[in-house]
Amino acid sequence: MINQLFKNFYTPEERLRLEQYVESYVRHSHKYAKEYALGRYYGVIQDRLDTDQSIRFFPEDLLEKTNLFAKEHFKTKDLVIFDIIIIKYCNENGFVPKLDMHLDGGSSIKYTLDYQYKANIDWPVLVEDKQFDLEDNDMVTFIGSKQKHGRNNREFQDGEFVENIFFQFIEKRN
């Protein structure tokens, strides 16, 4: 089954290293920026071309674990990372968070792992007609370029937030 919820993806030790990485590199990067139109902070941690827009340095062993999981789960052995994106939804700076139902763009099939990094509210992920309630360290899987996904509108109160890391994989081209 493509769309599944996986609980407690990273071990406590891996989760601590992920948190150290995010707090040390992502939070202080000028590439982790405000996107007022979508009510969020947004940063490209890594992309397949390793462009200057990338924050980079995602811990290699965590990426390897995630990559192996994606290959096994999607039953596609030639998957490579397309990008890793971190997004924080909140009402800071006048943000109005929203994530309408959509398909991810581009010509490649994108195999997506939507990982909830941190949140202090519930804001379920919708994939097609199914709802997934994520807690911190949980992940939902789907094919972002073929399955509509998003979230229902929700009004955020001061201090409320949801932060996710999206791992998108594509099939390696020869």
C-alpha atoms as a PDB file:
ATOM      1  CA  MET A   1       0.000   0.000   0.000  1.00  0.00           C
ATOM      2  CA  ILE A   2       1.466   3.356  -1.074  1.00  0.00           C
ATOM      3  CA  ASN A   3      -0.315   5.594   1.436  1.00  0.00           C
ATOM      4  CA  GLN A   4       0.612   4.574   4.938  1.00  0.00           C
ATOM      5  CA  LEU A   5       1.335   6.186   8.260  1.00  0.00           C
ATOM      6  CA  PHE A   6       4.560   5.138   9.962  1.00  0.00           C
ATOM      7  CA  LYS A   7       4.964   5.875  13.655  1.00  0.00           C
ATOM      8  CA  ASN A   8       8.259   6.849  15.328  1.00  0.00           C
ATOM      9  CA  PHE A   9      10.372   6.740  12.180  1.00  0.00           C
ATOM     10  CA  TYR A  10      13.697   7.802  13.691  1.00  0.00           C
ATOM     11  CA  THR A  11      15.181   6.367  16.878  1.00  0.00           C
ATOM     12  CA  PRO A  12      15.528   8.750  19.858  1.00  0.00           C
ATOM     13  CA  GLU A  13      19.263   9.138  19.094  1.00  0.00           C
ATOM     14  CA  GLU A  14      18.588   9.861  15.403  1.00  0.00           C
ATOM     15  CA  ARG A  15      15.853  12.297  16.338  1.00  0.00           C
ATOM     16  CA  LEU A  16      18.249  14.167  18.629  1.00  0.00           C
ATOM     17  CA  ARG A  17      20.794  14.465  15.800  1.00  0.00           C
ATOM     18  CA  LEU A  18      18.066  15.666  13.442  1.00  0.00           C
ATOM     19  CA  GLU A  19      17.030  18.308  15.963  1.00  0.00           C
ATOM     20  CA  GLN A  20      20.643  19.429  16.423  1.00  0.00           C
ATOM     21  CA  TYR A  21      20.976  19.721  12.641  1.00  0.00           C
ATOM     22  CA  VAL A  22      17.751  21.733  12.202  1.00  0.00           C
ATOM     23  CA  GLU A  23      18.490  24.077  15.091  1.00  0.00           C
ATOM     24  CA  SER A  24      22.151  24.591  14.084  1.00  0.00           C
ATOM     25  CA  TYR A  25      21.902  24.844  10.301  1.00  0.00           C
ATOM     26  CA  VAL A  26      18.320  25.428   9.162  1.00  0.00           C
ATOM     27  CA  ARG A  27      17.135  28.006  11.705  1.00  0.00           C
ATOM     28  CA  HIS A  28      20.162  30.219  11.107  1.00  0.00           C
ATOM     29  CA  SER A  29      20.261  29.953   7.331  1.00  0.00           C
ATOM     30  CA  HIS A  30      19.200  32.953   5.264  1.00  0.00           C
ATOM     31  CA  LYS A  31      17.773  30.324   2.873  1.00  0.00           C
ATOM     32  CA  TYR A  32      15.116  29.408   5.462  1.00  0.00           C
ATOM     33  CA  ALA A  33      12.764  32.227   4.507  1.00  0.00           C
ATOM     34  CA  LYS A  34       9.286  33.630   5.036  1.00  0.00           C
ATOM     35  CA  GLU A  35       6.646  32.883   2.390  1.00  0.00           C
ATOM     36  CA  TYR A  36       3.770  35.209   3.210  1.00  0.00           C
ATOM     37  CA  ALA A  37       1.485  33.987   0.397  1.00  0.00           C
ATOM     38  CA  LEU A  38       1.395  30.469   1.860  1.00  0.00           C
ATOM     39  CA  GLY A  39       1.688  31.411   5.542  1.00  0.00           C
ATOM     40  CA  ARG A  40       4.903  29.601   6.296  1.00  0.00           C
ATOM     41  CA  TYR A  41       8.640  29.451   6.643  1.00  0.00           C
ATOM     42  CA  TYR A  42      10.219  27.474   3.807  1.00  0.00           C
ATOM     43  CA  GLY A  43      13.673  26.095   3.167  1.00  0.00           C
ATOM     44  CA  VAL A  44      15.223  23.709   0.659  1.00  0.00           C
ATOM     45  CA  ILE A  45      17.592  21.607   2.734  1.00  0.00           C
ATOM     46  CA  GLN A  46      18.983  19.741  -0.236  1.00  0.00           C
ATOM     47  CA  ASP A  47      18.117  19.344  -3.894  1.00  0.00           C
ATOM     48  CA  ARG A  48      19.301  16.894  -6.510  1.00  0.00           C
ATOM     49  CA  LEU A  49      21.460  19.494  -8.232  1.00  0.00           C
ATOM     50  CA  ASP A  50      22.968  20.749  -4.956  1.00  0.00           C
ATOM     51  CA  THR A  51      22.260  24.319  -6.000  1.00  0.00           C
ATOM     52  CA  ASP A  52      23.080  27.467  -4.094  1.00  0.00           C
ATOM     53  CA  GLN A  53      19.456  27.613  -2.922  1.00  0.00           C
ATOM     54  CA  SER A  54      20.104  24.551  -0.746  1.00  0.00           C
ATOM     55  CA  ILE A  55      20.890  24.758   2.951  1.00  0.00           C
ATOM     56  CA  ARG A  56      22.728  21.396   2.591  1.00  0.00           C
ATOM     57  CA  PHE A  57      24.450  19.197   5.152  1.00  0.00           C
ATOM     58  CA  PHE A  58      21.490  16.924   5.936  1.00  0.00           C
ATOM     59  CA  PRO A  59      22.992  14.141   8.094  1.00  0.00           C
ATOM     60  CA  GLU A  60      24.139  11.428   5.667  1.00  0.00           C
ATOM     61  CA  ASP A  61      23.209   8.442   7.823  1.00  0.00           C
ATOM     62  CA  LEU A  62      19.669   9.780   8.352  1.00  0.00           C
ATOM     63  CA  LEU A  63      19.307  10.393   4.628  1.00  0.00           C
ATOM     64  CA  GLU A  64      20.593   6.879   3.901  1.00  0.00           C
ATOM     65  CA  LYS A  65      18.039   5.375   6.322  1.00  0.00           C
ATOM     66  CA  THR A  66      15.271   7.431   4.725  1.00  0.00           C
ATOM     67  CA  ASN A  67      16.425   6.521   1.220  1.00  0.00           C
ATOM     68  CA  LEU A  68      16.515   2.782   2.002  1.00  0.00           C
ATOM     69  CA  PHE A  69      13.048   3.024   3.534  1.00  0.00           C
ATOM     70  CA  ALA A  70      11.678   4.799   0.424  1.00  0.00           C
ATOM     71  CA  LYS A  71      13.142   2.185  -1.940  1.00  0.00           C
ATOM     72  CA  GLU A  72      11.676  -0.639   0.120  1.00  0.00           C
ATOM     73  CA  HIS A  73       8.299   1.005   0.706  1.00  0.00           C
ATOM     74  CA  PHE A  74       7.701   2.141  -2.887  1.00  0.00           C
ATOM     75  CA  LYS A  75       9.293  -1.069  -4.249  1.00  0.00           C
ATOM     76  CA  THR A  76      11.509   0.952  -6.567  1.00  0.00           C
ATOM     77  CA  LYS A  77      15.212   0.201  -6.131  1.00  0.00           C
ATOM     78  CA  ASP A  78      16.531   3.041  -8.299  1.00  0.00           C
ATOM     79  CA  LEU A  79      15.168   5.947  -6.254  1.00  0.00           C
ATOM     80  CA  VAL A  80      17.399   8.970  -5.650  1.00  0.00           C
ATOM     81  CA  ILE A  81      16.714  12.071  -3.605  1.00  0.00           C
ATOM     82  CA  PHE A  82      15.069  14.856  -5.593  1.00  0.00           C
ATOM     83  CA  ASP A  83      14.826  17.303  -2.720  1.00  0.00           C
ATOM     84  CA  ILE A  84      14.384  17.707   1.016  1.00  0.00           C
ATOM     85  CA  ILE A  85      12.221  20.635   2.063  1.00  0.00           C
ATOM     86  CA  ILE A  86      11.382  21.913   5.543  1.00  0.00           C
ATOM     87  CA  ILE A  87       8.216  23.934   6.102  1.00  0.00           C
ATOM     88  CA  LYS A  88       6.882  25.526   9.272  1.00  0.00           C
ATOM     89  CA  TYR A  89       3.251  26.683   9.330  1.00  0.00           C
ATOM     90  CA  CYS A  90       2.329  29.255  12.001  1.00  0.00           C
ATOM     91  CA  ASN A  91       0.661  32.658  12.317  1.00  0.00           C
ATOM     92  CA  GLU A  92       3.866  34.583  13.146  1.00  0.00           C
ATOM     93  CA  ASN A  93       4.584  37.676  11.049  1.00  0.00           C
ATOM     94  CA  GLY A  94       0.952  37.864   9.938  1.00  0.00           C
ATOM     95  CA  PHE A  95       1.049  34.454   8.247  1.00  0.00           C
ATOM     96  CA  VAL A  96      -2.246  32.760   7.364  1.00  0.00           C
ATOM     97  CA  PRO A  97      -1.261  29.093   6.965  1.00  0.00           C
ATOM     98  CA  LYS A  98      -2.907  27.108   4.193  1.00  0.00           C
ATOM     99  CA  LEU A  99      -2.163  24.074   2.091  1.00  0.00           C
ATOM    100  CA  ASP A 100      -4.832  23.536  -0.552  1.00  0.00           C
ATOM    101  CA  MET A 101      -5.174  20.173  -2.256  1.00  0.00           C
ATOM    102  CA  HIS A 102      -2.598  19.963  -5.048  1.00  0.00           C
ATOM    103  CA  LEU A 103      -0.245  17.795  -7.088  1.00  0.00           C
ATOM    104  CA  ASP A 104       3.493  18.410  -6.991  1.00  0.00           C
ATOM    105  CA  GLY A 105       4.729  19.863 -10.271  1.00  0.00           C
ATOM    106  CA  GLY A 106       7.383  18.779 -12.717  1.00  0.00           C
ATOM    107  CA  SER A 107       7.653  15.964 -15.207  1.00  0.00           C
ATOM    108  CA  SER A 108       9.088  13.334 -12.837  1.00  0.00           C
ATOM    109  CA  ILE A 109       7.110  10.990 -10.619  1.00  0.00           C
ATOM    110  CA  LYS A 110       7.784  12.181  -7.063  1.00  0.00           C
ATOM    111  CA  TYR A 111       7.691   9.587  -4.284  1.00  0.00           C
ATOM    112  CA  THR A 112       7.040  11.565  -1.120  1.00  0.00           C
ATOM    113  CA  LEU A 113       7.754  10.947   2.555  1.00  0.00           C
ATOM    114  CA  ASP A 114       5.993  13.631   4.615  1.00  0.00           C
ATOM    115  CA  TYR A 115       7.691  13.617   8.025  1.00  0.00           C
ATOM    116  CA  GLN A 116       6.258  15.619  10.949  1.00  0.00           C
ATOM    117  CA  TYR A 117       9.274  17.171  12.601  1.00  0.00           C
ATOM    118  CA  LYS A 118       7.531  19.174  15.332  1.00  0.00           C
ATOM    119  CA  ALA A 119       4.049  20.455  16.088  1.00  0.00           C
ATOM    120  CA  ASN A 120       2.007  21.611  19.038  1.00  0.00           C
ATOM    121  CA  ILE A 121      -1.395  21.215  17.323  1.00  0.00           C
ATOM    122  CA  ASP A 122      -3.141  18.610  15.207  1.00  0.00           C
ATOM    123  CA  TRP A 123      -3.442  19.449  11.502  1.00  0.00           C
ATOM    124  CA  PRO A 124      -4.081  16.242   9.554  1.00  0.00           C
ATOM    125  CA  VAL A 125      -2.603  15.562   6.125  1.00  0.00           C
ATOM    126  CA  LEU A 126      -5.101  14.613   3.422  1.00  0.00           C
ATOM    127  CA  VAL A 127      -4.068  12.310   0.577  1.00  0.00           C
ATOM    128  CA  GLU A 128      -6.837  11.894  -1.968  1.00  0.00           C
ATOM    129  CA  ASP A 129      -9.806  11.043   0.277  1.00  0.00           C
ATOM    130  CA  LYS A 130      -7.882   9.706   3.267  1.00  0.00           C
ATOM    131  CA  GLN A 131      -6.888  11.625   6.406  1.00  0.00           C
ATOM    132  CA  PHE A 132      -3.614  10.994   8.249  1.00  0.00           C
ATOM    133  CA  ASP A 133      -3.139  12.254  11.814  1.00  0.00           C
ATOM    134  CA  LEU A 134       0.575  12.687  12.380  1.00  0.00           C
ATOM    135  CA  GLU A 135       2.420  13.121  15.648  1.00  0.00           C
ATOM    136  CA  ASP A 136       6.042  14.221  15.960  1.00  0.00           C
ATOM    137  CA  ASN A 137       8.396  11.662  14.367  1.00  0.00           C
ATOM    138  CA  ASP A 138       5.579  10.133  12.258  1.00  0.00           C
ATOM    139  CA  MET A 139       5.596   9.957   8.485  1.00  0.00           C
ATOM    140  CA  VAL A 140       3.006   9.469   5.755  1.00  0.00           C
ATOM    141  CA  THR A 141       3.853   8.169   2.280  1.00  0.00           C
ATOM    142  CA  PHE A 142       2.313   9.075  -1.074  1.00  0.00           C
ATOM    143  CA  ILE A 143       3.160   9.870  -4.679  1.00  0.00           C
ATOM    144  CA  GLY A 144       3.063  13.661  -4.646  1.00  0.00           C
ATOM    145  CA  SER A 145       2.989  14.109  -8.412  1.00  0.00           C
ATOM    146  CA  LYS A 146       0.055  11.706  -8.892  1.00  0.00           C
ATOM    147  CA  GLN A 147      -2.026  11.949  -5.693  1.00  0.00           C
ATOM    148  CA  LYS A 148      -3.737  15.139  -4.593  1.00  0.00           C
ATOM    149  CA  HIS A 149      -2.656  16.079  -1.102  1.00  0.00           C
ATOM    150  CA  GLY A 150      -3.027  19.020   1.278  1.00  0.00           C
ATOM    151  CA  ARG A 151      -4.732  20.031   4.500  1.00  0.00           C
ATOM    152  CA  ASN A 152      -8.106  21.448   5.467  1.00  0.00           C
ATOM    153  CA  ASN A 153      -8.163  25.140   6.352  1.00  0.00           C
ATOM    154  CA  ARG A 154      -7.463  25.796  10.008  1.00  0.00           C
ATOM    155  CA  GLU A 155      -7.113  29.001  11.979  1.00  0.00           C
ATOM    156  CA  PHE A 156      -3.862  29.084  13.934  1.00  0.00           C
ATOM    157  CA  GLN A 157      -3.746  30.716  17.346  1.00  0.00           C
ATOM    158  CA  ASP A 158      -0.661  32.582  18.570  1.00  0.00           C
ATOM    159  CA  GLY A 159       2.163  30.150  19.310  1.00  0.00           C
ATOM    160  CA  GLU A 160       0.631  27.237  17.383  1.00  0.00           C
ATOM    161  CA  PHE A 161       2.716  25.600  14.666  1.00  0.00           C
ATOM    162  CA  VAL A 162       3.233  22.521  12.512  1.00  0.00           C
ATOM    163  CA  GLU A 163       6.639  21.794  10.971  1.00  0.00           C
ATOM    164  CA  ASN A 164       7.278  19.059   8.429  1.00  0.00           C
ATOM    165  CA  ILE A 165      10.218  17.780   6.421  1.00  0.00           C
ATOM    166  CA  PHE A 166       9.385  16.503   2.947  1.00  0.00           C
ATOM    167  CA  PHE A 167      11.647  13.952   1.304  1.00  0.00           C
ATOM    168  CA  GLN A 168      10.925  13.620  -2.396  1.00  0.00           C
ATOM    169  CA  PHE A 169      12.504  10.865  -4.463  1.00  0.00           C
ATOM    170  CA  ILE A 170      12.551  10.242  -8.205  1.00  0.00           C
ATOM    171  CA  GLU A 171      13.701   7.261 -10.237  1.00  0.00           C
ATOM    172  CA  LYS A 172      17.325   7.476 -11.280  1.00  0.00           C
ATOM    173  CA  ARG A 173      17.788   8.168 -14.968  1.00  0.00           C
ATOM    174  CA  ASN A 174      20.422   6.336 -16.983  1.00  0.00           C
END
